[in-house]
Amino acid sequence: MATPTPTNPSPDHLTGWDELRRAADQLQLEIHLGSMELRDRWRAFVPRLRHEIAELEKLVRGLREGLEHEDP
């Protein structure tokens, strides 16, 4: 049997590369799907975040007005 080389790979060598390629493809798919899920979750979260920021701005404005009207 010939020794495997880059130009003459063994069947086991090819199987290893095929498995590695499949694992890399699977990982790439999972990353893609995960990024899509993360994007969807972020889009759902943004309106809530904006609402909370608006509420905090109201609170800060109220505190400032309260401090302005305090007697020294």
PDB file of N, CA and C in Angstrom:
ATOM      1  N   MET A   1       0.844  -1.176   0.000  1.00  0.00           N
ATOM      2  CA  MET A   1       0.000   0.000   0.000  1.00  0.00           C
ATOM      3  C   MET A   1       0.887   1.236   0.000  1.00  0.00           C
ATOM      4  N   ALA A   2       0.501   2.212  -0.798  1.00  0.00           N
ATOM      5  CA  ALA A   2       1.290   3.434  -0.924  1.00  0.00           C
ATOM      6  C   ALA A   2       1.080   4.325   0.285  1.00  0.00           C
ATOM      7  N   THR A   3       2.102   5.069   0.628  1.00  0.00           N
ATOM      8  CA  THR A   3       2.022   6.009   1.732  1.00  0.00           C
ATOM      9  C   THR A   3       1.183   7.218   1.309  1.00  0.00           C
ATOM     10  N   PRO A   4       0.218   7.641   2.148  1.00  0.00           N
ATOM     11  CA  PRO A   4      -0.601   8.798   1.776  1.00  0.00           C
ATOM     12  C   PRO A   4       0.243  10.059   1.663  1.00  0.00           C
ATOM     13  N   THR A   5       0.008  10.821   0.640  1.00  0.00           N
ATOM     14  CA  THR A   5       0.651  12.112   0.433  1.00  0.00           C
ATOM     15  C   THR A   5      -0.437  13.096   0.021  1.00  0.00           C
ATOM     16  N   PRO A   6      -0.131  14.404  -0.038  1.00  0.00           N
ATOM     17  CA  PRO A   6      -1.146  15.369  -0.458  1.00  0.00           C
ATOM     18  C   PRO A   6      -1.713  15.056  -1.846  1.00  0.00           C
ATOM     19  N   THR A   7      -0.895  14.467  -2.721  1.00  0.00           N
ATOM     20  CA  THR A   7      -1.399  14.152  -4.059  1.00  0.00           C
ATOM     21  C   THR A   7      -2.001  12.754  -4.126  1.00  0.00           C
ATOM     22  N   ASN A   8      -1.742  11.934  -3.113  1.00  0.00           N
ATOM     23  CA  ASN A   8      -2.251  10.569  -3.079  1.00  0.00           C
ATOM     24  C   ASN A   8      -2.801  10.276  -1.683  1.00  0.00           C
ATOM     25  N   PRO A   9      -3.913  10.915  -1.287  1.00  0.00           N
ATOM     26  CA  PRO A   9      -4.409  10.714   0.064  1.00  0.00           C
ATOM     27  C   PRO A   9      -5.005   9.323   0.250  1.00  0.00           C
ATOM     28  N   SER A  10      -4.921   8.836   1.482  1.00  0.00           N
ATOM     29  CA  SER A  10      -5.522   7.540   1.784  1.00  0.00           C
ATOM     30  C   SER A  10      -7.029   7.709   1.942  1.00  0.00           C
ATOM     31  N   PRO A  11      -7.795   6.628   1.799  1.00  0.00           N
ATOM     32  CA  PRO A  11      -9.246   6.723   2.021  1.00  0.00           C
ATOM     33  C   PRO A  11      -9.587   7.218   3.424  1.00  0.00           C
ATOM     34  N   ASP A  12      -8.799   6.786   4.421  1.00  0.00           N
ATOM     35  CA  ASP A  12      -9.040   7.257   5.789  1.00  0.00           C
ATOM     36  C   ASP A  12      -8.796   8.755   5.897  1.00  0.00           C
ATOM     37  N   HIS A  13      -7.789   9.220   5.205  1.00  0.00           N
ATOM     38  CA  HIS A  13      -7.455  10.641   5.201  1.00  0.00           C
ATOM     39  C   HIS A  13      -8.613  11.441   4.608  1.00  0.00           C
ATOM     40  N   LEU A  14      -9.174  10.957   3.493  1.00  0.00           N
ATOM     41  CA  LEU A  14     -10.310  11.644   2.876  1.00  0.00           C
ATOM     42  C   LEU A  14     -11.515  11.649   3.806  1.00  0.00           C
ATOM     43  N   THR A  15     -11.764  10.533   4.463  1.00  0.00           N
ATOM     44  CA  THR A  15     -12.889  10.445   5.391  1.00  0.00           C
ATOM     45  C   THR A  15     -12.722  11.461   6.507  1.00  0.00           C
ATOM     46  N   GLY A  16     -11.522  11.619   7.010  1.00  0.00           N
ATOM     47  CA  GLY A  16     -11.257  12.605   8.059  1.00  0.00           C
ATOM     48  C   GLY A  16     -11.536  14.018   7.578  1.00  0.00           C
ATOM     49  N   TRP A  17     -11.091  14.318   6.354  1.00  0.00           N
ATOM     50  CA  TRP A  17     -11.339  15.649   5.798  1.00  0.00           C
ATOM     51  C   TRP A  17     -12.828  15.861   5.549  1.00  0.00           C
ATOM     52  N   ASP A  18     -13.514  14.838   5.074  1.00  0.00           N
ATOM     53  CA  ASP A  18     -14.957  14.939   4.843  1.00  0.00           C
ATOM     54  C   ASP A  18     -15.692  15.203   6.154  1.00  0.00           C
ATOM     55  N   GLU A  19     -15.293  14.487   7.191  1.00  0.00           N
ATOM     56  CA  GLU A  19     -15.919  14.694   8.504  1.00  0.00           C
ATOM     57  C   GLU A  19     -15.636  16.103   9.021  1.00  0.00           C
ATOM     58  N   LEU A  20     -14.412  16.549   8.827  1.00  0.00           N
ATOM     59  CA  LEU A  20     -14.044  17.894   9.261  1.00  0.00           C
ATOM     60  C   LEU A  20     -14.841  18.945   8.486  1.00  0.00           C
ATOM     61  N   ARG A  21     -14.977  18.735   7.178  1.00  0.00           N
ATOM     62  CA  ARG A  21     -15.747  19.675   6.356  1.00  0.00           C
ATOM     63  C   ARG A  21     -17.215  19.679   6.784  1.00  0.00           C
ATOM     64  N   ARG A  22     -17.785  18.502   7.029  1.00  0.00           N
ATOM     65  CA  ARG A  22     -19.183  18.430   7.481  1.00  0.00           C
ATOM     66  C   ARG A  22     -19.359  19.132   8.817  1.00  0.00           C
ATOM     67  N   ALA A  23     -18.422  18.918   9.729  1.00  0.00           N
ATOM     68  CA  ALA A  23     -18.494  19.573  11.039  1.00  0.00           C
ATOM     69  C   ALA A  23     -18.384  21.085  10.876  1.00  0.00           C
ATOM     70  N   ALA A  24     -17.503  21.546  10.006  1.00  0.00           N
ATOM     71  CA  ALA A  24     -17.352  22.990   9.763  1.00  0.00           C
ATOM     72  C   ALA A  24     -18.620  23.560   9.138  1.00  0.00           C
ATOM     73  N   ASP A  25     -19.210  22.829   8.179  1.00  0.00           N
ATOM     74  CA  ASP A  25     -20.452  23.287   7.554  1.00  0.00           C
ATOM     75  C   ASP A  25     -21.579  23.358   8.572  1.00  0.00           C
ATOM     76  N   GLN A  26     -21.660  22.344   9.436  1.00  0.00           N
ATOM     77  CA  GLN A  26     -22.697  22.327  10.473  1.00  0.00           C
ATOM     78  C   GLN A  26     -22.510  23.496  11.433  1.00  0.00           C
ATOM     79  N   LEU A  27     -21.284  23.750  11.830  1.00  0.00           N
ATOM     80  CA  LEU A  27     -20.999  24.859  12.730  1.00  0.00           C
ATOM     81  C   LEU A  27     -21.346  26.189  12.083  1.00  0.00           C
ATOM     82  N   GLN A  28     -21.008  26.337  10.815  1.00  0.00           N
ATOM     83  CA  GLN A  28     -21.331  27.572  10.089  1.00  0.00           C
ATOM     84  C   GLN A  28     -22.847  27.764  10.032  1.00  0.00           C
ATOM     85  N   LEU A  29     -23.596  26.702   9.795  1.00  0.00           N
ATOM     86  CA  LEU A  29     -25.054  26.783   9.756  1.00  0.00           C
ATOM     87  C   LEU A  29     -25.609  27.173  11.124  1.00  0.00           C
ATOM     88  N   GLU A  30     -25.099  26.554  12.173  1.00  0.00           N
ATOM     89  CA  GLU A  30     -25.577  26.872  13.520  1.00  0.00           C
ATOM     90  C   GLU A  30     -25.277  28.322  13.891  1.00  0.00           C
ATOM     91  N   ILE A  31     -24.118  28.821  13.500  1.00  0.00           N
ATOM     92  CA  ILE A  31     -23.774  30.222  13.755  1.00  0.00           C
ATOM     93  C   ILE A  31     -24.723  31.131  12.993  1.00  0.00           C
ATOM     94  N   HIS A  32     -24.999  30.790  11.739  1.00  0.00           N
ATOM     95  CA  HIS A  32     -25.914  31.599  10.933  1.00  0.00           C
ATOM     96  C   HIS A  32     -27.310  31.619  11.552  1.00  0.00           C
ATOM     97  N   LEU A  33     -27.821  30.462  11.917  1.00  0.00           N
ATOM     98  CA  LEU A  33     -29.156  30.395  12.511  1.00  0.00           C
ATOM     99  C   LEU A  33     -29.188  31.096  13.866  1.00  0.00           C
ATOM    100  N   GLY A  34     -28.122  30.938  14.626  1.00  0.00           N
ATOM    101  CA  GLY A  34     -28.034  31.623  15.914  1.00  0.00           C
ATOM    102  C   GLY A  34     -28.013  33.125  15.749  1.00  0.00           C
ATOM    103  N   SER A  35     -27.298  33.608  14.732  1.00  0.00           N
ATOM    104  CA  SER A  35     -27.248  35.053  14.512  1.00  0.00           C
ATOM    105  C   SER A  35     -28.613  35.570  14.069  1.00  0.00           C
ATOM    106  N   MET A  36     -29.343  34.765  13.295  1.00  0.00           N
ATOM    107  CA  MET A  36     -30.693  35.169  12.891  1.00  0.00           C
ATOM    108  C   MET A  36     -31.617  35.243  14.108  1.00  0.00           C
ATOM    109  N   GLU A  37     -31.507  34.258  14.991  1.00  0.00           N
ATOM    110  CA  GLU A  37     -32.331  34.261  16.201  1.00  0.00           C
ATOM    111  C   GLU A  37     -31.979  35.452  17.084  1.00  0.00           C
ATOM    112  N   LEU A  38     -30.695  35.723  17.227  1.00  0.00           N
ATOM    113  CA  LEU A  38     -30.258  36.856  18.027  1.00  0.00           C
ATOM    114  C   LEU A  38     -30.774  38.167  17.446  1.00  0.00           C
ATOM    115  N   ARG A  39     -30.715  38.307  16.121  1.00  0.00           N
ATOM    116  CA  ARG A  39     -31.228  39.510  15.467  1.00  0.00           C
ATOM    117  C   ARG A  39     -32.724  39.667  15.731  1.00  0.00           C
ATOM    118  N   ASP A  40     -33.470  38.583  15.640  1.00  0.00           N
ATOM    119  CA  ASP A  40     -34.910  38.634  15.890  1.00  0.00           C
ATOM    120  C   ASP A  40     -35.207  39.013  17.345  1.00  0.00           C
ATOM    121  N   ARG A  41     -34.449  38.441  18.262  1.00  0.00           N
ATOM    122  CA  ARG A  41     -34.654  38.765  19.679  1.00  0.00           C
ATOM    123  C   ARG A  41     -34.307  40.221  19.959  1.00  0.00           C
ATOM    124  N   TRP A  42     -33.235  40.735  19.325  1.00  0.00           N
ATOM    125  CA  TRP A  42     -32.851  42.134  19.493  1.00  0.00           C
ATOM    126  C   TRP A  42     -33.949  43.052  18.973  1.00  0.00           C
ATOM    127  N   ARG A  43     -34.480  42.731  17.790  1.00  0.00           N
ATOM    128  CA  ARG A  43     -35.551  43.549  17.218  1.00  0.00           C
ATOM    129  C   ARG A  43     -36.785  43.559  18.116  1.00  0.00           C
ATOM    130  N   ALA A  44     -37.058  42.461  18.766  1.00  0.00           N
ATOM    131  CA  ALA A  44     -38.194  42.405  19.685  1.00  0.00           C
ATOM    132  C   ALA A  44     -37.899  43.199  20.962  1.00  0.00           C
ATOM    133  N   PHE A  45     -36.637  43.277  21.343  1.00  0.00           N
ATOM    134  CA  PHE A  45     -36.245  43.944  22.586  1.00  0.00           C
ATOM    135  C   PHE A  45     -36.165  45.462  22.438  1.00  0.00           C
ATOM    136  N   VAL A  46     -35.815  45.950  21.260  1.00  0.00           N
ATOM    137  CA  VAL A  46     -35.590  47.383  21.054  1.00  0.00           C
ATOM    138  C   VAL A  46     -36.794  48.239  21.464  1.00  0.00           C
ATOM    139  N   PRO A  47     -38.027  47.900  21.088  1.00  0.00           N
ATOM    140  CA  PRO A  47     -39.152  48.739  21.530  1.00  0.00           C
ATOM    141  C   PRO A  47     -39.255  48.821  23.058  1.00  0.00           C
ATOM    142  N   ARG A  48     -39.034  47.718  23.728  1.00  0.00           N
ATOM    143  CA  ARG A  48     -39.063  47.723  25.199  1.00  0.00           C
ATOM    144  C   ARG A  48     -37.946  48.602  25.750  1.00  0.00           C
ATOM    145  N   LEU A  49     -36.776  48.512  25.154  1.00  0.00           N
ATOM    146  CA  LEU A  49     -35.645  49.324  25.575  1.00  0.00           C
ATOM    147  C   LEU A  49     -35.956  50.808  25.389  1.00  0.00           C
ATOM    148  N   ARG A  50     -36.515  51.158  24.246  1.00  0.00           N
ATOM    149  CA  ARG A  50     -36.879  52.554  23.997  1.00  0.00           C
ATOM    150  C   ARG A  50     -37.904  53.045  25.012  1.00  0.00           C
ATOM    151  N   HIS A  51     -38.873  52.189  25.329  1.00  0.00           N
ATOM    152  CA  HIS A  51     -39.885  52.551  26.327  1.00  0.00           C
ATOM    153  C   HIS A  51     -39.226  52.812  27.688  1.00  0.00           C
ATOM    154  N   GLU A  52     -38.342  51.927  28.091  1.00  0.00           N
ATOM    155  CA  GLU A  52     -37.669  52.082  29.388  1.00  0.00           C
ATOM    156  C   GLU A  52     -36.811  53.344  29.414  1.00  0.00           C
ATOM    157  N   ILE A  53     -36.142  53.657  28.321  1.00  0.00           N
ATOM    158  CA  ILE A  53     -35.331  54.876  28.250  1.00  0.00           C
ATOM    159  C   ILE A  53     -36.230  56.105  28.372  1.00  0.00           C
ATOM    160  N   ALA A  54     -37.384  56.081  27.683  1.00  0.00           N
ATOM    161  CA  ALA A  54     -38.323  57.201  27.770  1.00  0.00           C
ATOM    162  C   ALA A  54     -38.824  57.374  29.206  1.00  0.00           C
ATOM    163  N   GLU A  55     -39.103  56.268  29.889  1.00  0.00           N
ATOM    164  CA  GLU A  55     -39.545  56.342  31.286  1.00  0.00           C
ATOM    165  C   GLU A  55     -38.450  56.918  32.179  1.00  0.00           C
ATOM    166  N   LEU A  56     -37.229  56.530  31.960  1.00  0.00           N
ATOM    167  CA  LEU A  56     -36.114  57.070  32.746  1.00  0.00           C
ATOM    168  C   LEU A  56     -35.932  58.565  32.479  1.00  0.00           C
ATOM    169  N   GLU A  57     -36.099  58.972  31.221  1.00  0.00           N
ATOM    170  CA  GLU A  57     -35.991  60.398  30.902  1.00  0.00           C
ATOM    171  C   GLU A  57     -37.070  61.196  31.628  1.00  0.00           C
ATOM    172  N   LYS A  58     -38.290  60.662  31.692  1.00  0.00           N
ATOM    173  CA  LYS A  58     -39.363  61.335  32.427  1.00  0.00           C
ATOM    174  C   LYS A  58     -39.017  61.449  33.908  1.00  0.00           C
ATOM    175  N   LEU A  59     -38.500  60.373  34.461  1.00  0.00           N
ATOM    176  CA  LEU A  59     -38.128  60.365  35.873  1.00  0.00           C
ATOM    177  C   LEU A  59     -37.050  61.404  36.162  1.00  0.00           C
ATOM    178  N   VAL A  60     -36.029  61.445  35.332  1.00  0.00           N
ATOM    179  CA  VAL A  60     -34.940  62.413  35.515  1.00  0.00           C
ATOM    180  C   VAL A  60     -35.470  63.832  35.379  1.00  0.00           C
ATOM    181  N   ARG A  61     -36.323  64.065  34.384  1.00  0.00           N
ATOM    182  CA  ARG A  61     -36.915  65.389  34.195  1.00  0.00           C
ATOM    183  C   ARG A  61     -37.721  65.797  35.428  1.00  0.00           C
ATOM    184  N   GLY A  62     -38.492  64.868  35.972  1.00  0.00           N
ATOM    185  CA  GLY A  62     -39.259  65.149  37.178  1.00  0.00           C
ATOM    186  C   GLY A  62     -38.366  65.461  38.367  1.00  0.00           C
ATOM    187  N   LEU A  63     -37.288  64.721  38.507  1.00  0.00           N
ATOM    188  CA  LEU A  63     -36.350  64.983  39.606  1.00  0.00           C
ATOM    189  C   LEU A  63     -35.708  66.354  39.468  1.00  0.00           C
ATOM    190  N   ARG A  64     -35.324  66.712  38.260  1.00  0.00           N
ATOM    191  CA  ARG A  64     -34.727  68.028  38.032  1.00  0.00           C
ATOM    192  C   ARG A  64     -35.713  69.143  38.374  1.00  0.00           C
ATOM    193  N   GLU A  65     -36.958  68.977  37.907  1.00  0.00           N
ATOM    194  CA  GLU A  65     -37.967  69.989  38.196  1.00  0.00           C
ATOM    195  C   GLU A  65     -38.213  70.099  39.701  1.00  0.00           C
ATOM    196  N   GLY A  66     -38.215  68.981  40.381  1.00  0.00           N
ATOM    197  CA  GLY A  66     -38.404  68.978  41.825  1.00  0.00           C
ATOM    198  C   GLY A  66     -37.259  69.706  42.529  1.00  0.00           C
ATOM    199  N   LEU A  67     -36.036  69.507  42.054  1.00  0.00           N
ATOM    200  CA  LEU A  67     -34.890  70.166  42.662  1.00  0.00           C
ATOM    201  C   LEU A  67     -34.910  71.666  42.374  1.00  0.00           C
ATOM    202  N   GLU A  68     -35.396  72.054  41.208  1.00  0.00           N
ATOM    203  CA  GLU A  68     -35.454  73.477  40.854  1.00  0.00           C
ATOM    204  C   GLU A  68     -36.462  74.226  41.720  1.00  0.00           C
ATOM    205  N   HIS A  69     -37.509  73.564  42.151  1.00  0.00           N
ATOM    206  CA  HIS A  69     -38.579  74.215  42.918  1.00  0.00           C
ATOM    207  C   HIS A  69     -38.377  74.104  44.436  1.00  0.00           C
ATOM    208  N   GLU A  70     -37.302  73.459  44.855  1.00  0.00           N
ATOM    209  CA  GLU A  70     -37.035  73.363  46.294  1.00  0.00           C
ATOM    210  C   GLU A  70     -36.573  74.693  46.843  1.00  0.00           C
ATOM    211  N   ASP A  71     -36.975  74.965  48.058  1.00  0.00           N
ATOM    212  CA  ASP A  71     -36.483  76.182  48.724  1.00  0.00           C
ATOM    213  C   ASP A  71     -35.079  75.914  49.246  1.00  0.00           C
ATOM    214  N   PRO A  72     -34.173  76.883  49.036  1.00  0.00           N
ATOM    215  CA  PRO A  72     -32.789  76.688  49.520  1.00  0.00           C
ATOM    216  C   PRO A  72     -32.655  76.772  51.001  1.00  0.00           C
TER     217      PRO A  72
END
